[in-house]
Amino acid sequence: MKYPLEKTEEEWKEQLGEERYRILRKKGTEYPHTGTYNLHYEKGTYCCGACGEPLFESNSKFDAHCGWPSFDESIPGKVQYISDVTHGMKRTEILCANCGSHLGHVFDDGPTKTGQRYCVNSLSVDFKE
């Protein structure tokens, strides 16, 4: 798949460092309850940790008690949805639509009116006020 922002994997690895590269480019997951933004509720925007593209507004964030930052919607057009059948499960992976970096997964079990729970790795995003 082609994205508006493309880099070689070597460029991504140099830019992101080992742990962010593992999550954003190799579809890794951080341990639950360890991420910086899990219980973070300041007003602002959560942007892609690889390219800086705005992805989620703080007013869509909620505590899902799952150990990862959770949102009930993304900024329209900023997230790509891919079927993921790894690990014996059927899920929907979410990627940054600008650079194709892995953010996490979205589930249809959210408690808000959208019914969505975007489960995102803290290392996949940066917060901007």
Protein backbone atom coordinates (compact mmCIF):
# COMPACT_ATOMS: atom_id res chain seq x y z
CA MET A 1 0.00 0.00 0.00
CA LYS A 2 1.25 3.50 -0.83
CA TYR A 3 1.02 6.28 1.75
CA PRO A 4 1.47 10.05 1.40
CA LEU A 5 4.60 9.79 3.59
CA GLU A 6 6.94 6.91 2.82
CA LYS A 7 10.38 6.10 4.19
CA THR A 8 12.60 3.06 4.09
CA GLU A 9 12.48 0.77 7.10
CA GLU A 10 16.07 1.80 7.86
CA GLU A 11 14.98 5.47 7.94
CA TRP A 12 12.03 4.65 10.23
CA LYS A 13 14.25 2.64 12.59
CA GLU A 14 16.79 5.45 12.84
CA GLN A 15 14.05 8.06 13.43
CA LEU A 16 11.94 6.08 15.90
CA GLY A 17 14.42 4.12 17.97
CA GLU A 18 14.11 0.43 18.84
CA GLU A 19 10.93 0.33 20.96
CA ARG A 20 8.82 2.76 18.93
CA TYR A 21 9.97 1.06 15.74
CA ARG A 22 8.87 -2.31 17.15
CA ILE A 23 5.38 -1.00 17.83
CA LEU A 24 4.78 1.45 14.99
CA ARG A 25 6.45 -0.40 12.13
CA LYS A 26 6.50 -4.05 13.28
CA LYS A 27 2.96 -4.05 14.74
CA GLY A 28 4.08 -4.65 18.30
CA THR A 29 2.17 -3.99 21.53
CA GLU A 30 3.31 -2.38 24.75
CA TYR A 31 2.51 -4.01 28.06
CA PRO A 32 -0.85 -2.94 29.54
CA HIS A 33 -0.87 -0.17 32.16
CA THR A 34 2.67 0.94 31.22
CA GLY A 35 2.05 3.61 28.60
CA THR A 36 2.42 7.34 29.22
CA TYR A 37 -1.03 8.15 27.84
CA ASN A 38 -3.10 5.39 29.43
CA LEU A 39 -4.45 7.65 32.20
CA HIS A 40 -3.63 10.98 30.54
CA TYR A 41 -6.59 13.38 30.19
CA GLU A 42 -5.24 16.82 29.23
CA LYS A 43 -6.97 18.74 26.45
CA GLY A 44 -5.26 18.50 23.08
CA THR A 45 -4.60 16.22 20.14
CA TYR A 46 -2.96 12.81 19.92
CA CYS A 47 -0.78 12.61 16.80
CA CYS A 48 1.00 9.75 15.04
CA GLY A 49 4.26 9.00 16.83
CA ALA A 50 5.97 8.37 13.49
CA CYS A 51 4.84 11.26 11.27
CA GLY A 52 3.00 13.74 13.53
CA GLU A 53 -0.35 13.49 11.74
CA PRO A 54 -3.30 14.38 14.07
CA LEU A 55 -5.33 11.22 14.80
CA PHE A 56 -7.48 11.63 17.93
CA GLU A 57 -8.88 14.59 19.87
CA SER A 58 -8.75 14.49 23.66
CA ASN A 59 -12.55 14.82 23.93
CA SER A 60 -12.85 11.32 22.41
CA LYS A 61 -10.61 9.71 25.05
CA PHE A 62 -12.07 7.62 27.87
CA ASP A 63 -10.88 5.13 30.49
CA ALA A 64 -11.75 1.66 29.19
CA HIS A 65 -9.90 -0.01 32.09
CA CYS A 66 -8.02 -2.12 29.52
CA GLY A 67 -4.52 -0.77 30.16
CA TRP A 68 -4.11 1.19 26.93
CA PRO A 69 -5.27 4.64 25.84
CA SER A 70 -8.81 4.35 24.46
CA PHE A 71 -10.79 6.64 22.18
CA ASP A 72 -14.35 6.38 20.89
CA GLU A 73 -13.61 7.96 17.50
CA SER A 74 -10.75 9.14 15.34
CA ILE A 75 -10.39 12.34 13.37
CA PRO A 76 -12.21 11.57 10.07
CA GLY A 77 -9.92 10.30 7.32
CA LYS A 78 -6.84 10.00 9.54
CA VAL A 79 -7.01 6.29 10.41
CA GLN A 80 -6.92 3.30 8.06
CA TYR A 81 -8.71 0.05 8.98
CA ILE A 82 -7.26 -3.37 8.10
CA SER A 83 -8.61 -6.84 8.88
CA ASP A 84 -6.27 -8.65 11.27
CA VAL A 85 -6.62 -12.39 11.85
CA THR A 86 -3.33 -12.95 13.69
CA HIS A 87 -3.08 -14.70 17.07
CA GLY A 88 -6.23 -16.73 16.40
CA MET A 89 -8.50 -13.68 16.63
CA LYS A 90 -10.48 -11.60 14.17
CA ARG A 91 -9.79 -7.92 14.85
CA THR A 92 -9.53 -4.62 13.03
CA GLU A 93 -6.07 -3.10 13.03
CA ILE A 94 -5.76 0.68 12.91
CA LEU A 95 -2.97 2.41 11.01
CA CYS A 96 -2.03 6.03 10.43
CA ALA A 97 -3.49 6.86 7.01
CA ASN A 98 -0.56 9.21 6.32
CA CYS A 99 2.39 6.85 6.90
CA GLY A 100 0.93 3.38 7.51
CA SER A 101 2.26 3.04 11.05
CA HIS A 102 0.53 0.63 13.45
CA LEU A 103 -1.52 2.30 16.18
CA GLY A 104 -3.43 -0.59 17.74
CA HIS A 105 -6.90 -2.04 17.13
CA VAL A 106 -10.51 -0.86 17.18
CA PHE A 107 -13.28 -2.90 18.81
CA ASP A 108 -17.08 -2.66 18.78
CA ASP A 109 -17.39 -2.81 22.58
CA GLY A 110 -17.03 0.85 23.54
CA PRO A 111 -19.32 2.24 26.27
CA THR A 112 -20.02 5.59 24.57
CA LYS A 113 -22.60 6.46 21.92
CA THR A 114 -20.21 5.48 19.10
CA GLY A 115 -19.87 1.93 20.45
CA GLN A 116 -16.22 2.02 19.38
CA ARG A 117 -13.08 1.50 21.43
CA TYR A 118 -9.88 2.47 19.67
CA CYS A 119 -7.24 0.70 21.75
CA VAL A 120 -3.97 2.52 21.05
CA ASN A 121 -0.38 2.00 22.14
CA SER A 122 0.98 5.06 23.98
CA LEU A 123 4.21 4.73 22.02
CA SER A 124 2.21 5.03 18.78
CA VAL A 125 1.16 8.59 19.55
CA ASP A 126 2.49 11.94 20.75
CA PHE A 127 0.30 14.46 22.60
CA LYS A 128 0.11 18.11 21.59
CA GLU A 129 -1.78 20.80 23.52
